[in-house]
Amino acid sequence: MKIMPKTECNDRHCPKHAGLPVRGTMLEGVVVSDKAKNTVTVERGYLHYVPKYERYQRRTTRIAAHKPGCMQVAPGDKVRLAECRKISKTKSFVVMEKL
């Protein structure tokens, strides 16, 4: 089920209004920064197994994602990302929805 945002946008990298094709991985994470134009930094945590100590280690990674004009997200919001073609040097994910 697709949820269409209430506001229209004329962003050519919007998956809902401009038809940017998304494929591959769907991720969830927390927005930690929205200072760059049309970009949010999303942090997600995961567990990494260390065989030497036979334990798991908590790690985090930061992903730069494109924020379409119709999305209203702020630091602290949980979002869902979808993989798409490269939009810039560091961005290959786009924000799909706010959770």
PDB file of N, CA and C in Angstrom:
ATOM      1  N   MET A   1       0.839  -1.183   0.000  1.00  0.00           N
ATOM      2  CA  MET A   1       0.000   0.000   0.000  1.00  0.00           C
ATOM      3  C   MET A   1       0.880   1.241   0.000  1.00  0.00           C
ATOM      4  N   LYS A   2       0.727   2.091  -0.985  1.00  0.00           N
ATOM      5  CA  LYS A   2       1.510   3.319  -1.055  1.00  0.00           C
ATOM      6  C   LYS A   2       0.753   4.442  -0.364  1.00  0.00           C
ATOM      7  N   ILE A   3       1.489   5.211   0.419  1.00  0.00           N
ATOM      8  CA  ILE A   3       0.901   6.358   1.096  1.00  0.00           C
ATOM      9  C   ILE A   3       1.416   7.604   0.392  1.00  0.00           C
ATOM     10  N   MET A   4       0.533   8.342  -0.239  1.00  0.00           N
ATOM     11  CA  MET A   4       0.929   9.550  -0.944  1.00  0.00           C
ATOM     12  C   MET A   4       1.001  10.716   0.029  1.00  0.00           C
ATOM     13  N   PRO A   5       2.068  11.507  -0.025  1.00  0.00           N
ATOM     14  CA  PRO A   5       2.165  12.680   0.845  1.00  0.00           C
ATOM     15  C   PRO A   5       1.077  13.695   0.506  1.00  0.00           C
ATOM     16  N   LYS A   6       0.745  14.520   1.487  1.00  0.00           N
ATOM     17  CA  LYS A   6      -0.323  15.500   1.310  1.00  0.00           C
ATOM     18  C   LYS A   6       0.094  16.658   0.407  1.00  0.00           C
ATOM     19  N   THR A   7       1.378  16.993   0.394  1.00  0.00           N
ATOM     20  CA  THR A   7       1.842  18.115  -0.411  1.00  0.00           C
ATOM     21  C   THR A   7       2.446  17.623  -1.724  1.00  0.00           C
ATOM     22  N   GLU A   8       2.269  18.397  -2.753  1.00  0.00           N
ATOM     23  CA  GLU A   8       2.861  18.090  -4.051  1.00  0.00           C
ATOM     24  C   GLU A   8       4.285  18.642  -4.091  1.00  0.00           C
ATOM     25  N   CYS A   9       5.109  18.046  -4.922  1.00  0.00           N
ATOM     26  CA  CYS A   9       6.463  18.579  -5.079  1.00  0.00           C
ATOM     27  C   CYS A   9       6.848  18.503  -6.545  1.00  0.00           C
ATOM     28  N   ASN A  10       7.795  19.319  -6.926  1.00  0.00           N
ATOM     29  CA  ASN A  10       8.299  19.280  -8.294  1.00  0.00           C
ATOM     30  C   ASN A  10       9.759  18.839  -8.303  1.00  0.00           C
ATOM     31  N   ASP A  11      10.128  18.016  -7.313  1.00  0.00           N
ATOM     32  CA  ASP A  11      11.473  17.469  -7.214  1.00  0.00           C
ATOM     33  C   ASP A  11      11.609  16.321  -8.216  1.00  0.00           C
ATOM     34  N   ARG A  12      12.619  16.376  -9.072  1.00  0.00           N
ATOM     35  CA  ARG A  12      12.759  15.333 -10.084  1.00  0.00           C
ATOM     36  C   ARG A  12      13.316  14.036  -9.528  1.00  0.00           C
ATOM     37  N   HIS A  13      13.738  14.026  -8.259  1.00  0.00           N
ATOM     38  CA  HIS A  13      14.230  12.807  -7.615  1.00  0.00           C
ATOM     39  C   HIS A  13      13.233  12.263  -6.595  1.00  0.00           C
ATOM     40  N   CYS A  14      11.969  12.628  -6.708  1.00  0.00           N
ATOM     41  CA  CYS A  14      10.931  12.142  -5.789  1.00  0.00           C
ATOM     42  C   CYS A  14      10.395  10.809  -6.308  1.00  0.00           C
ATOM     43  N   PRO A  15      10.434   9.740  -5.494  1.00  0.00           N
ATOM     44  CA  PRO A  15       9.939   8.457  -5.988  1.00  0.00           C
ATOM     45  C   PRO A  15       8.425   8.407  -6.141  1.00  0.00           C
ATOM     46  N   LYS A  16       7.686   9.270  -5.447  1.00  0.00           N
ATOM     47  CA  LYS A  16       6.229   9.234  -5.495  1.00  0.00           C
ATOM     48  C   LYS A  16       5.653  10.134  -6.584  1.00  0.00           C
ATOM     49  N   HIS A  17       6.238  11.302  -6.793  1.00  0.00           N
ATOM     50  CA  HIS A  17       5.674  12.254  -7.753  1.00  0.00           C
ATOM     51  C   HIS A  17       6.402  12.268  -9.093  1.00  0.00           C
ATOM     52  N   ALA A  18       7.721  12.069  -9.097  1.00  0.00           N
ATOM     53  CA  ALA A  18       8.478  12.121 -10.345  1.00  0.00           C
ATOM     54  C   ALA A  18       8.773  10.731 -10.889  1.00  0.00           C
ATOM     55  N   GLY A  19       8.488   9.699 -10.113  1.00  0.00           N
ATOM     56  CA  GLY A  19       8.672   8.338 -10.607  1.00  0.00           C
ATOM     57  C   GLY A  19      10.106   7.850 -10.592  1.00  0.00           C
ATOM     58  N   LEU A  20      10.919   8.305  -9.639  1.00  0.00           N
ATOM     59  CA  LEU A  20      12.285   7.792  -9.505  1.00  0.00           C
ATOM     60  C   LEU A  20      12.210   6.297  -9.184  1.00  0.00           C
ATOM     61  N   PRO A  21      12.817   5.440 -10.009  1.00  0.00           N
ATOM     62  CA  PRO A  21      12.712   4.004  -9.739  1.00  0.00           C
ATOM     63  C   PRO A  21      13.543   3.605  -8.516  1.00  0.00           C
ATOM     64  N   VAL A  22      12.921   2.869  -7.616  1.00  0.00           N
ATOM     65  CA  VAL A  22      13.630   2.347  -6.439  1.00  0.00           C
ATOM     66  C   VAL A  22      13.735   0.847  -6.598  1.00  0.00           C
ATOM     67  N   ARG A  23      14.831   0.297  -6.073  1.00  0.00           N
ATOM     68  CA  ARG A  23      15.066  -1.145  -6.182  1.00  0.00           C
ATOM     69  C   ARG A  23      15.968  -1.555  -5.036  1.00  0.00           C
ATOM     70  N   GLY A  24      16.104  -2.822  -4.810  1.00  0.00           N
ATOM     71  CA  GLY A  24      17.072  -3.319  -3.841  1.00  0.00           C
ATOM     72  C   GLY A  24      16.633  -3.158  -2.406  1.00  0.00           C
ATOM     73  N   THR A  25      17.523  -2.617  -1.589  1.00  0.00           N
ATOM     74  CA  THR A  25      17.387  -2.622  -0.139  1.00  0.00           C
ATOM     75  C   THR A  25      16.418  -1.571   0.375  1.00  0.00           C
ATOM     76  N   MET A  26      15.628  -1.959   1.382  1.00  0.00           N
ATOM     77  CA  MET A  26      14.799  -1.025   2.146  1.00  0.00           C
ATOM     78  C   MET A  26      15.365  -1.013   3.561  1.00  0.00           C
ATOM     79  N   LEU A  27      15.710   0.165   4.072  1.00  0.00           N
ATOM     80  CA  LEU A  27      16.321   0.289   5.392  1.00  0.00           C
ATOM     81  C   LEU A  27      15.484   1.201   6.272  1.00  0.00           C
ATOM     82  N   GLU A  28      15.661   1.068   7.586  1.00  0.00           N
ATOM     83  CA  GLU A  28      15.043   1.976   8.549  1.00  0.00           C
ATOM     84  C   GLU A  28      16.136   2.527   9.437  1.00  0.00           C
ATOM     85  N   GLY A  29      15.980   3.783   9.826  1.00  0.00           N
ATOM     86  CA  GLY A  29      16.960   4.415  10.692  1.00  0.00           C
ATOM     87  C   GLY A  29      16.412   5.708  11.253  1.00  0.00           C
ATOM     88  N   VAL A  30      17.262   6.392  12.015  1.00  0.00           N
ATOM     89  CA  VAL A  30      16.885   7.636  12.683  1.00  0.00           C
ATOM     90  C   VAL A  30      17.648   8.792  12.048  1.00  0.00           C
ATOM     91  N   VAL A  31      16.949   9.865  11.729  1.00  0.00           N
ATOM     92  CA  VAL A  31      17.582  11.051  11.146  1.00  0.00           C
ATOM     93  C   VAL A  31      18.420  11.741  12.219  1.00  0.00           C
ATOM     94  N   VAL A  32      19.700  11.980  11.924  1.00  0.00           N
ATOM     95  CA  VAL A  32      20.570  12.671  12.870  1.00  0.00           C
ATOM     96  C   VAL A  32      20.944  14.066  12.398  1.00  0.00           C
ATOM     97  N   SER A  33      20.793  14.342  11.094  1.00  0.00           N
ATOM     98  CA  SER A  33      21.124  15.672  10.581  1.00  0.00           C
ATOM     99  C   SER A  33      20.306  15.963   9.326  1.00  0.00           C
ATOM    100  N   ASP A  34      19.881  17.236   9.195  1.00  0.00           N
ATOM    101  CA  ASP A  34      19.207  17.667   7.970  1.00  0.00           C
ATOM    102  C   ASP A  34      19.743  19.019   7.524  1.00  0.00           C
ATOM    103  N   LYS A  35      21.030  19.266   7.783  1.00  0.00           N
ATOM    104  CA  LYS A  35      21.617  20.573   7.498  1.00  0.00           C
ATOM    105  C   LYS A  35      21.889  20.783   6.005  1.00  0.00           C
ATOM    106  N   ALA A  36      22.243  19.730   5.289  1.00  0.00           N
ATOM    107  CA  ALA A  36      22.531  19.877   3.860  1.00  0.00           C
ATOM    108  C   ALA A  36      21.229  20.021   3.079  1.00  0.00           C
ATOM    109  N   LYS A  37      21.298  20.711   1.949  1.00  0.00           N
ATOM    110  CA  LYS A  37      20.104  20.946   1.136  1.00  0.00           C
ATOM    111  C   LYS A  37      19.622  19.637   0.512  1.00  0.00           C
ATOM    112  N   ASN A  38      18.336  19.317   0.683  1.00  0.00           N
ATOM    113  CA  ASN A  38      17.697  18.119   0.132  1.00  0.00           C
ATOM    114  C   ASN A  38      18.360  16.814   0.571  1.00  0.00           C
ATOM    115  N   THR A  39      19.068  16.817   1.694  1.00  0.00           N
ATOM    116  CA  THR A  39      19.776  15.631   2.163  1.00  0.00           C
ATOM    117  C   THR A  39      19.552  15.452   3.653  1.00  0.00           C
ATOM    118  N   VAL A  40      19.379  14.203   4.072  1.00  0.00           N
ATOM    119  CA  VAL A  40      19.349  13.877   5.496  1.00  0.00           C
ATOM    120  C   VAL A  40      20.401  12.803   5.749  1.00  0.00           C
ATOM    121  N   THR A  41      20.971  12.831   6.948  1.00  0.00           N
ATOM    122  CA  THR A  41      21.896  11.793   7.373  1.00  0.00           C
ATOM    123  C   THR A  41      21.149  10.882   8.322  1.00  0.00           C
ATOM    124  N   VAL A  42      21.109   9.603   7.978  1.00  0.00           N
ATOM    125  CA  VAL A  42      20.356   8.617   8.749  1.00  0.00           C
ATOM    126  C   VAL A  42      21.339   7.659   9.401  1.00  0.00           C
ATOM    127  N   GLU A  43      21.153   7.423  10.689  1.00  0.00           N
ATOM    128  CA  GLU A  43      22.025   6.518  11.425  1.00  0.00           C
ATOM    129  C   GLU A  43      21.252   5.256  11.755  1.00  0.00           C
ATOM    130  N   ARG A  44      21.889   4.110  11.524  1.00  0.00           N
ATOM    131  CA  ARG A  44      21.258   2.841  11.874  1.00  0.00           C
ATOM    132  C   ARG A  44      22.259   1.962  12.594  1.00  0.00           C
ATOM    133  N   GLY A  45      21.778   1.269  13.604  1.00  0.00           N
ATOM    134  CA  GLY A  45      22.631   0.410  14.404  1.00  0.00           C
ATOM    135  C   GLY A  45      22.459  -1.050  14.014  1.00  0.00           C
ATOM    136  N   TYR A  46      23.513  -1.836  14.235  1.00  0.00           N
ATOM    137  CA  TYR A  46      23.464  -3.267  13.958  1.00  0.00           C
ATOM    138  C   TYR A  46      24.444  -3.979  14.874  1.00  0.00           C
ATOM    139  N   LEU A  47      24.350  -5.298  14.944  1.00  0.00           N
ATOM    140  CA  LEU A  47      25.243  -6.101  15.759  1.00  0.00           C
ATOM    141  C   LEU A  47      26.250  -6.803  14.861  1.00  0.00           C
ATOM    142  N   HIS A  48      27.525  -6.800  15.280  1.00  0.00           N
ATOM    143  CA  HIS A  48      28.594  -7.448  14.533  1.00  0.00           C
ATOM    144  C   HIS A  48      29.215  -8.514  15.425  1.00  0.00           C
ATOM    145  N   TYR A  49      29.311  -9.745  14.929  1.00  0.00           N
ATOM    146  CA  TYR A  49      29.854 -10.847  15.715  1.00  0.00           C
ATOM    147  C   TYR A  49      31.374 -10.819  15.675  1.00  0.00           C
ATOM    148  N   VAL A  50      32.020 -10.905  16.852  1.00  0.00           N
ATOM    149  CA  VAL A  50      33.480 -10.954  16.963  1.00  0.00           C
ATOM    150  C   VAL A  50      33.850 -12.376  17.374  1.00  0.00           C
ATOM    151  N   PRO A  51      34.404 -13.173  16.449  1.00  0.00           N
ATOM    152  CA  PRO A  51      34.675 -14.581  16.754  1.00  0.00           C
ATOM    153  C   PRO A  51      35.674 -14.796  17.889  1.00  0.00           C
ATOM    154  N   LYS A  52      36.658 -13.932  18.003  1.00  0.00           N
ATOM    155  CA  LYS A  52      37.688 -14.103  19.033  1.00  0.00           C
ATOM    156  C   LYS A  52      37.083 -14.119  20.428  1.00  0.00           C
ATOM    157  N   TYR A  53      36.144 -13.236  20.677  1.00  0.00           N
ATOM    158  CA  TYR A  53      35.531 -13.131  22.005  1.00  0.00           C
ATOM    159  C   TYR A  53      34.169 -13.815  22.086  1.00  0.00           C
ATOM    160  N   GLU A  54      33.701 -14.360  20.952  1.00  0.00           N
ATOM    161  CA  GLU A  54      32.411 -15.042  20.881  1.00  0.00           C
ATOM    162  C   GLU A  54      31.276 -14.173  21.427  1.00  0.00           C
ATOM    163  N   ARG A  55      31.308 -12.927  21.033  1.00  0.00           N
ATOM    164  CA  ARG A  55      30.296 -11.962  21.471  1.00  0.00           C
ATOM    165  C   ARG A  55      29.915 -11.052  20.310  1.00  0.00           C
ATOM    166  N   TYR A  56      28.853 -10.320  20.527  1.00  0.00           N
ATOM    167  CA  TYR A  56      28.401  -9.342  19.543  1.00  0.00           C
ATOM    168  C   TYR A  56      28.820  -7.946  19.968  1.00  0.00           C
ATOM    169  N   GLN A  57      29.148  -7.133  18.994  1.00  0.00           N
ATOM    170  CA  GLN A  57      29.556  -5.760  19.224  1.00  0.00           C
ATOM    171  C   GLN A  57      28.538  -4.842  18.559  1.00  0.00           C
ATOM    172  N   ARG A  58      28.119  -3.816  19.263  1.00  0.00           N
ATOM    173  CA  ARG A  58      27.164  -2.865  18.710  1.00  0.00           C
ATOM    174  C   ARG A  58      27.912  -1.866  17.831  1.00  0.00           C
ATOM    175  N   ARG A  59      27.434  -1.684  16.607  1.00  0.00           N
ATOM    176  CA  ARG A  59      28.053  -0.740  15.680  1.00  0.00           C
ATOM    177  C   ARG A  59      26.968   0.125  15.057  1.00  0.00           C
ATOM    178  N   THR A  60      27.378   1.275  14.512  1.00  0.00           N
ATOM    179  CA  THR A  60      26.442   2.145  13.817  1.00  0.00           C
ATOM    180  C   THR A  60      27.047   2.557  12.480  1.00  0.00           C
ATOM    181  N   THR A  61      26.184   2.891  11.549  1.00  0.00           N
ATOM    182  CA  THR A  61      26.614   3.401  10.257  1.00  0.00           C
ATOM    183  C   THR A  61      25.724   4.587   9.899  1.00  0.00           C
ATOM    184  N   ARG A  62      26.294   5.529   9.154  1.00  0.00           N
ATOM    185  CA  ARG A  62      25.543   6.707   8.722  1.00  0.00           C
ATOM    186  C   ARG A  62      25.385   6.677   7.218  1.00  0.00           C
ATOM    187  N   ILE A  63      24.168   6.949   6.773  1.00  0.00           N
ATOM    188  CA  ILE A  63      23.844   6.894   5.352  1.00  0.00           C
ATOM    189  C   ILE A  63      23.288   8.251   4.934  1.00  0.00           C
ATOM    190  N   ALA A  64      23.822   8.792   3.859  1.00  0.00           N
ATOM    191  CA  ALA A  64      23.287  10.035   3.299  1.00  0.00           C
ATOM    192  C   ALA A  64      22.155   9.668   2.353  1.00  0.00           C
ATOM    193  N   ALA A  65      21.002  10.298   2.527  1.00  0.00           N
ATOM    194  CA  ALA A  65      19.837   9.990   1.700  1.00  0.00           C
ATOM    195  C   ALA A  65      19.204  11.274   1.186  1.00  0.00           C
ATOM    196  N   HIS A  66      18.589  11.178   0.019  1.00  0.00           N
ATOM    197  CA  HIS A  66      17.901  12.332  -0.578  1.00  0.00           C
ATOM    198  C   HIS A  66      16.549  12.531   0.096  1.00  0.00           C
ATOM    199  N   LYS A  67      16.243  13.777   0.442  1.00  0.00           N
ATOM    200  CA  LYS A  67      14.944  14.112   1.031  1.00  0.00           C
ATOM    201  C   LYS A  67      14.145  14.894   0.009  1.00  0.00           C
ATOM    202  N   PRO A  68      13.064  14.292  -0.545  1.00  0.00           N
ATOM    203  CA  PRO A  68      12.231  15.019  -1.510  1.00  0.00           C
ATOM    204  C   PRO A  68      11.556  16.226  -0.853  1.00  0.00           C
ATOM    205  N   GLY A  69      11.141  17.173  -1.655  1.00  0.00           N
ATOM    206  CA  GLY A  69      10.510  18.387  -1.146  1.00  0.00           C
ATOM    207  C   GLY A  69       9.204  18.152  -0.414  1.00  0.00           C
ATOM    208  N   CYS A  70       8.515  17.046  -0.721  1.00  0.00           N
ATOM    209  CA  CYS A  70       7.221  16.778  -0.087  1.00  0.00           C
ATOM    210  C   CYS A  70       7.357  16.112   1.283  1.00  0.00           C
ATOM    211  N   MET A  71       8.565  15.689   1.670  1.00  0.00           N
ATOM    212  CA  MET A  71       8.780  15.038   2.966  1.00  0.00           C
ATOM    213  C   MET A  71       9.170  16.068   4.015  1.00  0.00           C
ATOM    214  N   GLN A  72       8.539  15.987   5.170  1.00  0.00           N
ATOM    215  CA  GLN A  72       8.865  16.860   6.292  1.00  0.00           C
ATOM    216  C   GLN A  72       9.477  16.000   7.392  1.00  0.00           C
ATOM    217  N   VAL A  73      10.801  15.910   7.418  1.00  0.00           N
ATOM    218  CA  VAL A  73      11.488  15.134   8.448  1.00  0.00           C
ATOM    219  C   VAL A  73      12.473  16.026   9.174  1.00  0.00           C
ATOM    220  N   ALA A  74      12.685  15.722  10.452  1.00  0.00           N
ATOM    221  CA  ALA A  74      13.585  16.499  11.302  1.00  0.00           C
ATOM    222  C   ALA A  74      14.461  15.524  12.076  1.00  0.00           C
ATOM    223  N   PRO A  75      15.560  16.003  12.649  1.00  0.00           N
ATOM    224  CA  PRO A  75      16.395  15.110  13.461  1.00  0.00           C
ATOM    225  C   PRO A  75      15.591  14.451  14.581  1.00  0.00           C
ATOM    226  N   GLY A  76      15.801  13.146  14.735  1.00  0.00           N
ATOM    227  CA  GLY A  76      15.075  12.376  15.736  1.00  0.00           C
ATOM    228  C   GLY A  76      13.938  11.560  15.149  1.00  0.00           C
ATOM    229  N   ASP A  77      13.529  11.838  13.907  1.00  0.00           N
ATOM    230  CA  ASP A  77      12.445  11.088  13.267  1.00  0.00           C
ATOM    231  C   ASP A  77      12.960   9.756  12.739  1.00  0.00           C
ATOM    232  N   LYS A  78      12.131   8.729  12.843  1.00  0.00           N
ATOM    233  CA  LYS A  78      12.457   7.432  12.272  1.00  0.00           C
ATOM    234  C   LYS A  78      11.906   7.404  10.851  1.00  0.00           C
ATOM    235  N   VAL A  79      12.741   6.997   9.890  1.00  0.00           N
ATOM    236  CA  VAL A  79      12.351   7.011   8.480  1.00  0.00           C
ATOM    237  C   VAL A  79      12.671   5.684   7.808  1.00  0.00           C
ATOM    238  N   ARG A  80      12.006   5.448   6.681  1.00  0.00           N
ATOM    239  CA  ARG A  80      12.295   4.285   5.843  1.00  0.00           C
ATOM    240  C   ARG A  80      12.968   4.785   4.581  1.00  0.00           C
ATOM    241  N   LEU A  81      14.097   4.148   4.227  1.00  0.00           N
ATOM    242  CA  LEU A  81      14.860   4.508   3.036  1.00  0.00           C
ATOM    243  C   LEU A  81      14.737   3.409   2.002  1.00  0.00           C
ATOM    244  N   ALA A  82      14.846   3.783   0.736  1.00  0.00           N
ATOM    245  CA  ALA A  82      14.866   2.818  -0.355  1.00  0.00           C
ATOM    246  C   ALA A  82      16.083   3.094  -1.226  1.00  0.00           C
ATOM    247  N   GLU A  83      16.690   2.035  -1.723  1.00  0.00           N
ATOM    248  CA  GLU A  83      17.846   2.176  -2.588  1.00  0.00           C
ATOM    249  C   GLU A  83      17.390   2.604  -3.974  1.00  0.00           C
ATOM    250  N   CYS A  84      18.159   3.486  -4.597  1.00  0.00           N
ATOM    251  CA  CYS A  84      17.859   3.949  -5.944  1.00  0.00           C
ATOM    252  C   CYS A  84      19.178   4.140  -6.686  1.00  0.00           C
ATOM    253  N   ARG A  85      19.103   4.680  -7.877  1.00  0.00           N
ATOM    254  CA  ARG A  85      20.339   4.967  -8.614  1.00  0.00           C
ATOM    255  C   ARG A  85      21.101   6.074  -7.895  1.00  0.00           C
ATOM    256  N   LYS A  86      22.369   6.248  -8.225  1.00  0.00           N
ATOM    257  CA  LYS A  86      23.162   7.298  -7.607  1.00  0.00           C
ATOM    258  C   LYS A  86      22.579   8.663  -7.964  1.00  0.00           C
ATOM    259  N   ILE A  87      22.321   9.471  -6.926  1.00  0.00           N
ATOM    260  CA  ILE A  87      21.818  10.822  -7.140  1.00  0.00           C
ATOM    261  C   ILE A  87      22.975  11.805  -7.092  1.00  0.00           C
ATOM    262  N   SER A  88      23.953  11.533  -6.232  1.00  0.00           N
ATOM    263  CA  SER A  88      25.172  12.333  -6.179  1.00  0.00           C
ATOM    264  C   SER A  88      26.310  11.406  -5.765  1.00  0.00           C
ATOM    265  N   LYS A  89      27.448  11.975  -5.416  1.00  0.00           N
ATOM    266  CA  LYS A  89      28.610  11.162  -5.053  1.00  0.00           C
ATOM    267  C   LYS A  89      28.331  10.269  -3.850  1.00  0.00           C
ATOM    268  N   THR A  90      27.596  10.782  -2.862  1.00  0.00           N
ATOM    269  CA  THR A  90      27.376  10.026  -1.624  1.00  0.00           C
ATOM    270  C   THR A  90      25.955   9.508  -1.468  1.00  0.00           C
ATOM    271  N   LYS A  91      25.020   9.942  -2.291  1.00  0.00           N
ATOM    272  CA  LYS A  91      23.613   9.576  -2.098  1.00  0.00           C
ATOM    273  C   LYS A  91      23.154   8.520  -3.092  1.00  0.00           C
ATOM    274  N   SER A  92      22.769   7.352  -2.560  1.00  0.00           N
ATOM    275  CA  SER A  92      22.149   6.326  -3.396  1.00  0.00           C
ATOM    276  C   SER A  92      20.911   5.768  -2.700  1.00  0.00           C
ATOM    277  N   PHE A  93      20.392   6.513  -1.729  1.00  0.00           N
ATOM    278  CA  PHE A  93      19.150   6.167  -1.045  1.00  0.00           C
ATOM    279  C   PHE A  93      18.233   7.380  -1.061  1.00  0.00           C
ATOM    280  N   VAL A  94      16.920   7.127  -0.970  1.00  0.00           N
ATOM    281  CA  VAL A  94      15.940   8.197  -0.944  1.00  0.00           C
ATOM    282  C   VAL A  94      14.964   7.907   0.195  1.00  0.00           C
ATOM    283  N   VAL A  95      14.481   8.961   0.867  1.00  0.00           N
ATOM    284  CA  VAL A  95      13.519   8.798   1.947  1.00  0.00           C
ATOM    285  C   VAL A  95      12.164   8.466   1.345  1.00  0.00           C
ATOM    286  N   MET A  96      11.579   7.345   1.772  1.00  0.00           N
ATOM    287  CA  MET A  96      10.273   6.924   1.258  1.00  0.00           C
ATOM    288  C   MET A  96       9.146   7.405   2.148  1.00  0.00           C
ATOM    289  N   GLU A  97       9.301   7.246   3.474  1.00  0.00           N
ATOM    290  CA  GLU A  97       8.234   7.649   4.381  1.00  0.00           C
ATOM    291  C   GLU A  97       8.786   7.879   5.782  1.00  0.00           C
ATOM    292  N   LYS A  98       8.012   8.629   6.550  1.00  0.00           N
ATOM    293  CA  LYS A  98       8.321   8.883   7.948  1.00  0.00           C
ATOM    294  C   LYS A  98       7.519   7.869   8.780  1.00  0.00           C
ATOM    295  N   LEU A  99       8.191   7.174   9.671  1.00  0.00           N
ATOM    296  CA  LEU A  99       7.512   6.130  10.453  1.00  0.00           C
ATOM    297  C   LEU A  99       7.027   6.658  11.788  1.00  0.00           C
TER     298      LEU A  99
END
